[in-house]
Amino acid sequence: MNRPFFLQWLSFRGGGLRDRVVRSTIWLAIGNGSAKIVNLFKIAILGRLLAPDDFGLMAIAILTLKWLEYFTETGFNKALVQQKGNIESYLDTAWLVQLARGVLLAILLFAMAPVAAYFFAVPHAVQVVRACSILLIVRSLTNPAMVCLRRELDFKRIFWWTLTNAIVGLVVAVCAALLYRNVWALVASVIAAAIASLVLSYVIKPYIPRPQFHWQHAKTLMKFGKWIFFLNVVSFVGLYADSAIVGKLLGMTHLGFYQMARQFGMTPSHQIALLISGVMFPAFARLQHTEQRRIAFTQTLTMVSIVALPMGCFLTAFAEPLVHLILGPRWQAIAPALAWLAWAGIGIAFIDVSSALFQACGKPALSVYTMIFQQVLTLTLLRPLILAHGVTGAAAAVAIANAVTFVLTLILAHRIIRFSPMELVLTARQTLVACVPFAAVTLLPRQTMRWDYGLALLSVSVSIVVLLPHLKSLLALWRAR
């Protein structure tokens, strides 16, 4: 078997920038992955201490807050990243605009709280939504110079920043949950994490912003930022529409169930796959020939499948015992939704690889068009499937929409680099074999939870043995220097 393409790319000589990109991507992946693991650990603990209604109530507040944030995004941070030359003169203007936006949104969220409570038919959500308005002000005070770390590819310091915030949120959440046993533990957690993020941003990157506004600087940043605004409006539907519709049609308790299933179902495969697709994006951009891009694309999909497909099969086969073990019996209803959402996360991971190819080939519009298609299809499926199957129907709608969109991205990728579909099957054959133990388990009769845990251990062990050569290749990513 040929060496995976990303290892061929890593072997090129004279790649000082290449090594820097790889190390930075790995630090970014470690930071995001570690924060997600801490967050999942927090949710697993709180799932046993709090009721589904508490998670549903918090979801209403976060959905309302996110709606305001996404539809008023300035895009200044990303504009600063791509800005040429010294950006220090832009930081004060960006910070002042950021602060003004945060204060105005906090006032608006405080005033809109009764509207959100009325929309979801949960009157007591008003206080929780209003408490979360504090988040908008705290976040707006964040050190604007943190964007310099991204420009410098200094993701090691960003890793410590991200991880510290997640740990503070975990500690506060658990302590507050033990004391109050209600939704305010979740509120205290996110506010404490935001405050820690604010303080640490000035420690990690010393810079004291001044309240100065330069119209020319703002105008320059707006030229790029308007496209970020558009992308945020488009992506908002895919990120939060399903939760909003579940909350509206099924109520707060079912929204809490759905949010929990979404956290555990979609996060693992998506986050782990980002390591590979993130490293491959600069590789796609470097390559000039179609044949090289074809090899890179097929090999990258193969490496993503090594992580994503067995994980999806595992969550499908053992959703019920996993929910019982991690969250407890009162969350057992989310098991079918968890299985569907695991495949939804896999779909997103594969779509991300295609999107990286489109952008590297100078066709970013294809990423936007496929995103719009994905969200229109999701919205079309959500209502009928939710009314027919509840939370499981919502999860199925997202998974089906992501699967169809992935097929669409493959068709578009084929038109660009002319790869053979059979080539994908052949390069992924070992991964498909590794999924067989999980498929076999679904045919066996279920007896006790201990029996299920034993089957899970056995099937995972067999899968790891089959994938061992590929896993060694993945390990090379972490050793790249």
Protein backbone atom coordinates (compact mmCIF):
# COMPACT_ATOMS: atom_id res chain seq x y z
CA MET A 1 0.00 0.00 0.00
CA ASN A 2 1.29 3.50 -0.88
CA ARG A 3 2.20 5.90 1.84
CA PRO A 4 -0.69 8.23 2.77
CA PHE A 5 -0.34 11.45 0.79
CA PHE A 6 -0.01 13.72 3.80
CA LEU A 7 3.13 11.80 4.77
CA GLN A 8 4.50 12.24 1.23
CA TRP A 9 3.84 15.96 1.58
CA LEU A 10 5.53 16.09 4.98
CA SER A 11 8.62 14.50 3.45
CA PHE A 12 9.22 17.40 1.03
CA ARG A 13 12.45 19.26 1.77
CA GLY A 14 12.91 22.89 2.46
CA GLY A 15 9.53 23.32 4.07
CA GLY A 16 10.10 25.69 6.99
CA LEU A 17 6.67 27.21 6.50
CA ARG A 18 5.29 23.73 5.95
CA ASP A 19 6.60 22.54 9.32
CA ARG A 20 5.25 25.65 10.97
CA VAL A 21 1.82 25.09 9.44
CA VAL A 22 1.79 21.44 10.50
CA ARG A 23 2.85 22.18 14.07
CA SER A 24 0.34 25.02 14.31
CA THR A 25 -2.46 22.86 12.97
CA ILE A 26 -1.62 20.13 15.45
CA TRP A 27 -1.63 22.62 18.34
CA LEU A 28 -4.96 23.95 17.09
CA ALA A 29 -6.38 20.44 16.87
CA ILE A 30 -5.08 19.57 20.35
CA GLY A 31 -6.60 22.76 21.75
CA ASN A 32 -9.99 22.28 20.13
CA GLY A 33 -10.03 18.57 20.90
CA SER A 34 -8.98 19.04 24.54
CA ALA A 35 -11.59 21.74 25.09
CA LYS A 36 -14.26 19.51 23.55
CA ILE A 37 -13.24 16.57 25.73
CA VAL A 38 -13.39 18.73 28.87
CA ASN A 39 -16.77 20.05 27.76
CA LEU A 40 -18.11 16.54 27.12
CA PHE A 41 -16.81 15.48 30.54
CA LYS A 42 -18.62 18.46 32.06
CA ILE A 43 -21.86 17.57 30.31
CA ALA A 44 -21.56 13.91 31.36
CA ILE A 45 -21.28 14.97 35.03
CA LEU A 46 -24.05 17.56 34.80
CA GLY A 47 -26.26 15.05 33.00
CA ARG A 48 -26.41 13.08 36.24
CA LEU A 49 -26.91 16.14 38.45
CA LEU A 50 -29.39 18.19 36.41
CA ALA A 51 -32.66 17.47 34.63
CA PRO A 52 -33.22 17.56 30.84
CA ASP A 53 -35.39 20.67 31.40
CA ASP A 54 -32.33 22.53 32.69
CA PHE A 55 -30.40 21.80 29.51
CA GLY A 56 -33.41 22.79 27.41
CA LEU A 57 -33.75 26.07 29.30
CA MET A 58 -30.06 26.87 28.79
CA ALA A 59 -30.35 25.95 25.11
CA ILE A 60 -33.11 28.55 24.69
CA ALA A 61 -30.84 31.25 26.13
CA ILE A 62 -27.84 30.23 24.00
CA LEU A 63 -29.92 29.97 20.82
CA THR A 64 -31.25 33.50 21.36
CA LEU A 65 -27.77 34.83 22.09
CA LYS A 66 -26.26 33.09 19.06
CA TRP A 67 -29.00 34.44 16.81
CA LEU A 68 -28.00 37.99 17.75
CA GLU A 69 -24.28 37.29 17.45
CA TYR A 70 -24.39 35.61 14.06
CA PHE A 71 -26.63 38.21 12.43
CA THR A 72 -24.48 41.12 13.64
CA GLU A 73 -21.01 39.63 13.08
CA THR A 74 -18.59 42.30 11.84
CA GLY A 75 -15.96 39.85 10.59
CA PHE A 76 -13.24 42.20 11.85
CA ASN A 77 -11.17 39.44 13.49
CA LYS A 78 -10.87 37.45 10.26
CA ALA A 79 -10.26 40.65 8.35
CA LEU A 80 -7.33 41.39 10.67
CA VAL A 81 -5.90 37.91 10.09
CA GLN A 82 -5.73 38.39 6.32
CA GLN A 83 -4.68 42.07 6.52
CA LYS A 84 -1.19 42.67 5.12
CA GLY A 85 1.57 44.31 7.13
CA ASN A 86 1.44 45.62 10.71
CA ILE A 87 -2.09 45.56 12.10
CA GLU A 88 -1.45 47.27 15.45
CA SER A 89 -2.98 50.53 14.23
CA TYR A 90 -6.21 48.63 13.45
CA LEU A 91 -6.58 46.99 16.86
CA ASP A 92 -8.02 49.95 18.76
CA THR A 93 -10.70 50.55 16.13
CA ALA A 94 -11.59 46.85 16.04
CA TRP A 95 -11.79 46.71 19.85
CA LEU A 96 -13.99 49.81 20.07
CA VAL A 97 -16.40 48.46 17.44
CA GLN A 98 -16.36 45.10 19.22
CA LEU A 99 -17.17 46.73 22.56
CA ALA A 100 -19.97 48.90 21.15
CA ARG A 101 -21.51 45.88 19.45
CA GLY A 102 -21.29 43.82 22.67
CA VAL A 103 -22.99 46.49 24.80
CA LEU A 104 -25.77 47.07 22.25
CA LEU A 105 -26.39 43.35 21.83
CA ALA A 106 -26.48 42.86 25.60
CA ILE A 107 -29.15 45.56 25.89
CA LEU A 108 -31.07 44.04 22.98
CA LEU A 109 -30.86 40.51 24.41
CA PHE A 110 -32.07 41.77 27.81
CA ALA A 111 -35.03 43.43 26.10
CA MET A 112 -35.75 40.45 23.82
CA ALA A 113 -35.85 37.90 26.64
CA PRO A 114 -39.69 37.92 26.90
CA VAL A 115 -39.94 37.44 23.11
CA ALA A 116 -37.68 34.38 23.24
CA ALA A 117 -39.64 32.98 26.17
CA TYR A 118 -42.90 33.52 24.27
CA PHE A 119 -41.54 31.88 21.09
CA PHE A 120 -40.57 28.71 22.96
CA ALA A 121 -43.61 28.94 25.30
CA VAL A 122 -41.37 28.87 28.39
CA PRO A 123 -42.16 31.94 30.55
CA HIS A 124 -39.45 31.25 33.14
CA ALA A 125 -36.75 31.41 30.43
CA VAL A 126 -36.74 35.22 30.72
CA GLN A 127 -34.37 35.37 33.69
CA VAL A 128 -31.92 32.87 32.17
CA VAL A 129 -31.81 34.72 28.83
CA ARG A 130 -31.23 38.03 30.60
CA ALA A 131 -28.45 36.56 32.74
CA CYS A 132 -26.68 35.39 29.56
CA SER A 133 -26.62 38.98 28.27
CA ILE A 134 -23.60 39.43 30.56
CA LEU A 135 -21.70 37.10 28.23
CA LEU A 136 -21.94 39.57 25.36
CA ILE A 137 -20.31 42.36 27.34
CA VAL A 138 -17.57 40.13 28.78
CA ARG A 139 -16.69 38.72 25.35
CA SER A 140 -16.59 42.18 23.78
CA LEU A 141 -13.86 43.24 26.23
CA THR A 142 -11.49 40.47 25.06
CA ASN A 143 -8.01 41.61 24.08
CA PRO A 144 -8.12 42.43 20.33
CA ALA A 145 -4.43 41.54 20.03
CA MET A 146 -5.29 37.86 20.44
CA VAL A 147 -5.85 37.87 16.70
CA CYS A 148 -2.09 38.41 16.31
CA LEU A 149 -1.48 34.91 17.64
CA ARG A 150 -3.47 33.47 14.75
CA ARG A 151 -1.60 35.63 12.25
CA GLU A 152 1.68 34.38 13.70
CA LEU A 153 0.42 30.75 13.74
CA ASP A 154 1.12 30.74 17.48
CA PHE A 155 -1.53 28.15 18.31
CA LYS A 156 0.44 26.82 21.26
CA ARG A 157 -0.55 29.84 23.37
CA ILE A 158 -4.09 29.68 21.97
CA PHE A 159 -4.20 26.04 23.13
CA TRP A 160 -3.48 27.01 26.74
CA TRP A 161 -5.99 29.84 26.51
CA THR A 162 -8.73 27.54 25.20
CA LEU A 163 -8.00 24.70 27.60
CA THR A 164 -7.88 26.96 30.68
CA ASN A 165 -11.28 28.43 29.83
CA ALA A 166 -12.78 24.95 29.45
CA ILE A 167 -11.33 23.77 32.78
CA VAL A 168 -12.66 26.85 34.62
CA GLY A 169 -16.09 26.19 33.13
CA LEU A 170 -15.93 22.56 34.26
CA VAL A 171 -14.93 23.34 37.84
CA VAL A 172 -17.54 26.08 38.28
CA ALA A 173 -20.26 23.97 36.65
CA VAL A 174 -19.70 20.97 38.91
CA CYS A 175 -19.48 23.07 42.09
CA ALA A 176 -22.60 25.07 41.21
CA ALA A 177 -24.52 21.94 40.22
CA LEU A 178 -23.73 20.29 43.54
CA LEU A 179 -24.97 23.41 45.36
CA TYR A 180 -28.06 24.38 43.34
CA ARG A 181 -29.04 21.39 41.15
CA ASN A 182 -30.68 23.63 38.54
CA VAL A 183 -30.05 25.58 35.33
CA TRP A 184 -28.06 28.27 37.14
CA ALA A 185 -25.12 25.87 37.31
CA LEU A 186 -24.95 26.00 33.51
CA VAL A 187 -25.27 29.80 33.50
CA ALA A 188 -22.52 30.17 36.11
CA SER A 189 -20.28 27.85 34.07
CA VAL A 190 -20.44 29.81 30.80
CA ILE A 191 -20.06 33.19 32.53
CA ALA A 192 -17.07 31.99 34.58
CA ALA A 193 -15.42 30.57 31.44
CA ALA A 194 -15.99 33.89 29.61
CA ILE A 195 -14.44 35.89 32.46
CA ALA A 196 -11.44 33.54 32.57
CA SER A 197 -11.07 33.94 28.81
CA LEU A 198 -11.15 37.72 29.15
CA VAL A 199 -8.52 37.90 31.90
CA LEU A 200 -6.23 35.35 30.29
CA SER A 201 -6.33 37.11 26.91
CA TYR A 202 -4.46 40.07 28.44
CA VAL A 203 -1.98 37.77 30.21
CA ILE A 204 -1.13 35.69 27.14
CA LYS A 205 -0.81 38.64 24.74
CA PRO A 206 -0.04 41.87 26.64
CA TYR A 207 -1.75 44.81 24.95
CA ILE A 208 -3.82 47.66 26.35
CA PRO A 209 -6.44 48.83 23.81
CA ARG A 210 -7.36 52.51 23.65
CA PRO A 211 -10.84 53.80 22.80
CA GLN A 212 -9.83 55.28 19.46
CA PHE A 213 -11.83 55.05 16.24
CA HIS A 214 -10.40 55.57 12.74
CA TRP A 215 -13.03 55.51 10.02
CA GLN A 216 -10.55 54.55 7.29
CA HIS A 217 -9.40 51.53 9.28
CA ALA A 218 -12.99 50.48 9.91
CA LYS A 219 -13.84 50.88 6.23
CA THR A 220 -10.89 48.68 5.23
CA LEU A 221 -11.93 45.94 7.65
CA MET A 222 -15.57 46.14 6.52
CA LYS A 223 -14.64 45.30 2.92
CA PHE A 224 -13.58 41.83 4.00
CA GLY A 225 -15.90 41.55 6.98
CA LYS A 226 -19.08 41.79 4.89
CA TRP A 227 -18.33 38.38 3.35
CA ILE A 228 -17.91 36.88 6.82
CA PHE A 229 -21.30 38.33 7.73
CA PHE A 230 -22.86 36.65 4.70
CA LEU A 231 -21.25 33.29 5.50
CA ASN A 232 -22.44 33.55 9.10
CA VAL A 233 -26.01 34.18 8.01
CA VAL A 234 -25.83 31.14 5.73
CA SER A 235 -24.13 28.86 8.28
CA PHE A 236 -26.43 29.86 11.15
CA VAL A 237 -29.23 27.71 9.73
CA GLY A 238 -27.06 24.62 9.65
CA LEU A 239 -25.70 25.18 13.15
CA TYR A 240 -28.80 26.15 15.11
CA ALA A 241 -32.01 25.83 13.06
CA ASP A 242 -32.53 22.19 14.01
CA SER A 243 -32.33 22.98 17.74
CA ALA A 244 -34.64 25.97 17.38
CA ILE A 245 -37.26 23.95 15.52
CA VAL A 246 -37.05 21.08 18.02
CA GLY A 247 -37.58 23.54 20.87
CA LYS A 248 -40.50 25.19 19.10
CA LEU A 249 -42.31 22.00 18.06
CA LEU A 250 -41.50 19.66 20.95
CA GLY A 251 -40.81 21.90 23.92
CA MET A 252 -38.02 22.53 26.40
CA THR A 253 -37.54 18.97 27.68
CA HIS A 254 -37.10 17.49 24.21
CA LEU A 255 -34.76 20.34 23.32
CA GLY A 256 -32.62 19.34 26.30
CA PHE A 257 -32.57 15.74 25.05
CA TYR A 258 -31.63 16.86 21.54
CA GLN A 259 -28.83 19.14 22.71
CA MET A 260 -27.32 16.32 24.73
CA ALA A 261 -27.49 13.91 21.78
CA ARG A 262 -25.95 16.53 19.50
CA GLN A 263 -23.02 17.11 21.85
CA PHE A 264 -22.12 13.44 22.12
CA GLY A 265 -23.08 12.38 18.61
CA MET A 266 -21.58 15.03 16.36
CA THR A 267 -18.55 16.26 18.26
CA PRO A 268 -16.12 13.28 18.29
CA SER A 269 -15.76 12.37 14.60
CA HIS A 270 -15.94 15.98 13.46
CA GLN A 271 -13.26 17.23 15.85
CA ILE A 272 -10.84 14.35 15.28
CA ALA A 273 -11.23 14.56 11.49
CA LEU A 274 -10.42 18.29 11.62
CA LEU A 275 -6.83 17.33 12.46
CA ILE A 276 -6.37 15.62 9.10
CA SER A 277 -8.37 17.97 6.91
CA GLY A 278 -6.74 20.96 8.65
CA VAL A 279 -3.25 19.72 7.82
CA MET A 280 -4.25 18.93 4.24
CA PHE A 281 -5.65 22.36 3.39
CA PRO A 282 -2.21 23.97 2.94
CA ALA A 283 -1.19 20.88 0.94
CA PHE A 284 -4.12 21.33 -1.45
CA ALA A 285 -3.21 24.99 -1.87
CA ARG A 286 0.43 24.17 -2.75
CA LEU A 287 -0.38 21.66 -5.46
CA GLN A 288 -0.71 22.87 -9.03
CA HIS A 289 -1.42 19.68 -10.99
CA THR A 290 -4.76 17.89 -11.13
CA GLU A 291 -3.15 14.49 -10.64
CA GLN A 292 -1.49 15.61 -7.39
CA ARG A 293 -4.75 17.06 -6.12
CA ARG A 294 -6.58 13.88 -7.02
CA ILE A 295 -4.16 11.77 -4.97
CA ALA A 296 -4.29 14.26 -2.09
CA PHE A 297 -8.09 14.33 -2.07
CA THR A 298 -8.62 10.56 -2.15
CA GLN A 299 -5.94 9.90 0.45
CA THR A 300 -7.33 12.57 2.77
CA LEU A 301 -10.84 11.15 2.55
CA THR A 302 -9.34 7.76 3.35
CA MET A 303 -7.57 9.08 6.44
CA VAL A 304 -10.71 10.84 7.65
CA SER A 305 -12.70 7.64 7.16
CA ILE A 306 -10.20 5.73 9.34
CA VAL A 307 -11.33 7.82 12.29
CA ALA A 308 -14.90 8.67 11.38
CA LEU A 309 -16.45 5.47 10.00
CA PRO A 310 -15.49 3.07 12.84
CA MET A 311 -16.55 5.71 15.37
CA GLY A 312 -19.92 6.10 13.66
CA CYS A 313 -20.42 2.35 13.58
CA PHE A 314 -19.41 2.10 17.24
CA LEU A 315 -21.89 4.79 18.34
CA THR A 316 -24.63 3.16 16.26
CA ALA A 317 -24.03 -0.31 17.68
CA PHE A 318 -23.63 0.76 21.31
CA ALA A 319 -25.67 3.96 21.67
CA GLU A 320 -27.93 2.57 24.40
CA PRO A 321 -25.25 1.13 26.73
CA LEU A 322 -23.10 4.24 26.23
CA VAL A 323 -25.92 6.59 27.21
CA HIS A 324 -26.70 4.42 30.24
CA LEU A 325 -23.05 4.37 31.32
CA ILE A 326 -22.20 8.04 30.76
CA LEU A 327 -25.45 9.90 31.45
CA GLY A 328 -27.67 7.49 33.33
CA PRO A 329 -31.05 5.84 32.63
CA ARG A 330 -33.15 9.02 32.46
CA TRP A 331 -31.33 10.01 29.25
CA GLN A 332 -31.97 6.66 27.54
CA ALA A 333 -34.42 8.26 25.10
CA ILE A 334 -31.60 10.00 23.23
CA ALA A 335 -29.90 6.76 22.14
CA PRO A 336 -31.55 6.54 18.65
CA ALA A 337 -30.89 10.24 18.01
CA LEU A 338 -27.27 9.79 19.13
CA ALA A 339 -26.76 7.11 16.48
CA TRP A 340 -28.17 9.32 13.70
CA LEU A 341 -26.16 12.35 14.81
CA ALA A 342 -22.95 10.33 14.81
CA TRP A 343 -23.41 9.91 11.05
CA ALA A 344 -24.33 13.59 10.73
CA GLY A 345 -20.93 14.45 12.24
CA ILE A 346 -19.21 12.09 9.80
CA GLY A 347 -20.98 13.81 6.93
CA ILE A 348 -19.72 17.20 8.08
CA ALA A 349 -16.16 15.87 8.35
CA PHE A 350 -16.23 14.57 4.77
CA ILE A 351 -17.84 17.77 3.48
CA ASP A 352 -15.05 19.78 5.15
CA VAL A 353 -12.45 17.91 3.10
CA SER A 354 -14.29 18.70 -0.15
CA SER A 355 -14.67 22.32 0.93
CA ALA A 356 -10.90 22.58 1.52
CA LEU A 357 -10.34 21.30 -2.02
CA PHE A 358 -12.80 23.80 -3.53
CA GLN A 359 -11.14 26.74 -1.77
CA ALA A 360 -7.62 25.59 -2.65
CA CYS A 361 -8.65 25.31 -6.32
CA GLY A 362 -9.91 28.89 -6.28
CA LYS A 363 -13.60 27.93 -6.24
CA PRO A 364 -14.87 29.08 -2.80
CA ALA A 365 -18.31 29.74 -4.29
CA LEU A 366 -18.81 25.97 -4.49
CA SER A 367 -18.45 25.76 -0.70
CA VAL A 368 -21.14 28.42 -0.25
CA TYR A 369 -23.51 26.80 -2.76
CA THR A 370 -23.18 23.36 -1.19
CA MET A 371 -23.73 24.89 2.26
CA ILE A 372 -26.93 26.56 1.06
CA PHE A 373 -28.09 23.28 -0.51
CA GLN A 374 -27.38 21.41 2.74
CA GLN A 375 -29.37 23.87 4.83
CA VAL A 376 -32.36 24.07 2.48
CA LEU A 377 -32.56 20.28 2.48
CA THR A 378 -32.25 20.17 6.28
CA LEU A 379 -35.07 22.70 6.72
CA THR A 380 -37.25 20.78 4.24
CA LEU A 381 -36.85 17.52 6.17
CA LEU A 382 -36.93 18.81 9.73
CA ARG A 383 -40.60 19.59 10.32
CA PRO A 384 -42.17 16.41 8.87
CA LEU A 385 -39.60 14.11 10.48
CA ILE A 386 -39.84 15.85 13.87
CA LEU A 387 -43.64 15.61 13.85
CA ALA A 388 -43.41 11.92 12.90
CA HIS A 389 -40.48 10.76 15.06
CA GLY A 390 -39.69 13.51 17.56
CA VAL A 391 -36.07 14.11 18.52
CA THR A 392 -34.94 11.06 16.54
CA GLY A 393 -36.61 12.54 13.45
CA ALA A 394 -34.66 15.78 13.86
CA ALA A 395 -31.39 13.83 14.08
CA ALA A 396 -32.33 11.78 11.01
CA ALA A 397 -33.11 14.96 9.03
CA VAL A 398 -29.65 16.41 9.75
CA ALA A 399 -27.90 13.11 8.97
CA ILE A 400 -29.76 12.60 5.67
CA ALA A 401 -29.13 16.19 4.57
CA ASN A 402 -25.40 15.87 5.34
CA ALA A 403 -25.15 12.54 3.48
CA VAL A 404 -26.84 13.91 0.35
CA THR A 405 -24.68 17.04 0.48
CA PHE A 406 -21.53 14.91 0.71
CA VAL A 407 -22.58 13.04 -2.43
CA LEU A 408 -23.07 16.42 -4.13
CA THR A 409 -19.58 17.57 -3.07
CA LEU A 410 -18.11 14.34 -4.46
CA ILE A 411 -19.79 15.02 -7.81
CA LEU A 412 -18.41 18.57 -7.85
CA ALA A 413 -14.95 17.35 -6.80
CA HIS A 414 -15.04 14.78 -9.59
CA ARG A 415 -15.67 17.56 -12.12
CA ILE A 416 -12.56 19.39 -10.84
CA ILE A 417 -10.00 16.59 -10.35
CA ARG A 418 -11.56 13.61 -12.19
CA PHE A 419 -11.08 10.91 -9.56
CA SER A 420 -12.61 7.45 -9.83
CA PRO A 421 -15.32 6.52 -7.25
CA MET A 422 -13.95 2.97 -7.28
CA GLU A 423 -10.59 4.40 -6.25
CA LEU A 424 -12.19 5.73 -3.06
CA VAL A 425 -13.67 2.33 -2.27
CA LEU A 426 -10.37 0.56 -2.87
CA THR A 427 -8.32 2.97 -0.74
CA ALA A 428 -10.87 2.70 2.08
CA ARG A 429 -11.27 -1.09 1.95
CA GLN A 430 -9.31 -1.70 5.13
CA THR A 431 -11.49 0.83 6.97
CA LEU A 432 -14.62 -0.91 5.71
CA VAL A 433 -13.28 -4.22 7.05
CA ALA A 434 -12.70 -2.54 10.43
CA CYS A 435 -16.41 -1.64 10.53
CA VAL A 436 -17.53 -5.28 10.12
CA PRO A 437 -17.25 -6.17 13.87
CA PHE A 438 -19.71 -3.38 14.76
CA ALA A 439 -22.12 -4.48 12.04
CA ALA A 440 -21.91 -8.06 13.31
CA VAL A 441 -22.71 -6.95 16.86
CA THR A 442 -26.01 -5.42 15.76
CA LEU A 443 -27.14 -8.90 14.64
CA LEU A 444 -26.49 -10.49 18.04
CA PRO A 445 -29.21 -10.64 20.71
CA ARG A 446 -28.77 -8.13 23.54
CA GLN A 447 -28.86 -9.52 27.08
CA THR A 448 -27.38 -7.41 29.88
CA MET A 449 -25.42 -4.17 30.06
CA ARG A 450 -22.30 -6.12 31.03
CA TRP A 451 -22.76 -8.23 27.92
CA ASP A 452 -22.95 -5.05 25.83
CA TYR A 453 -19.81 -3.62 27.42
CA GLY A 454 -17.95 -6.85 26.71
CA LEU A 455 -19.06 -6.81 23.08
CA ALA A 456 -18.00 -3.18 22.79
CA LEU A 457 -14.51 -3.94 24.09
CA LEU A 458 -14.15 -6.93 21.77
CA SER A 459 -15.35 -5.14 18.62
CA VAL A 460 -13.18 -2.08 19.30
CA SER A 461 -10.13 -4.30 19.83
CA VAL A 462 -10.70 -6.12 16.53
CA SER A 463 -11.23 -2.82 14.70
CA ILE A 464 -7.99 -1.35 16.11
CA VAL A 465 -5.99 -4.42 15.05
CA VAL A 466 -7.34 -4.14 11.48
CA LEU A 467 -6.54 -0.41 11.33
CA LEU A 468 -3.16 -0.59 13.06
CA PRO A 469 -1.09 0.24 9.93
CA HIS A 470 -3.21 3.32 9.27
CA LEU A 471 -3.13 4.37 12.92
CA LYS A 472 0.67 4.31 12.80
CA SER A 473 0.51 6.70 9.87
CA LEU A 474 -1.79 9.00 11.81
CA LEU A 475 0.65 8.94 14.69
CA ALA A 476 3.24 10.44 12.35
CA LEU A 477 1.19 13.66 12.35
CA TRP A 478 1.88 14.11 16.05
CA ARG A 479 5.61 13.51 15.54
CA ALA A 480 5.93 15.93 12.62
CA ARG A 481 8.63 18.55 13.20
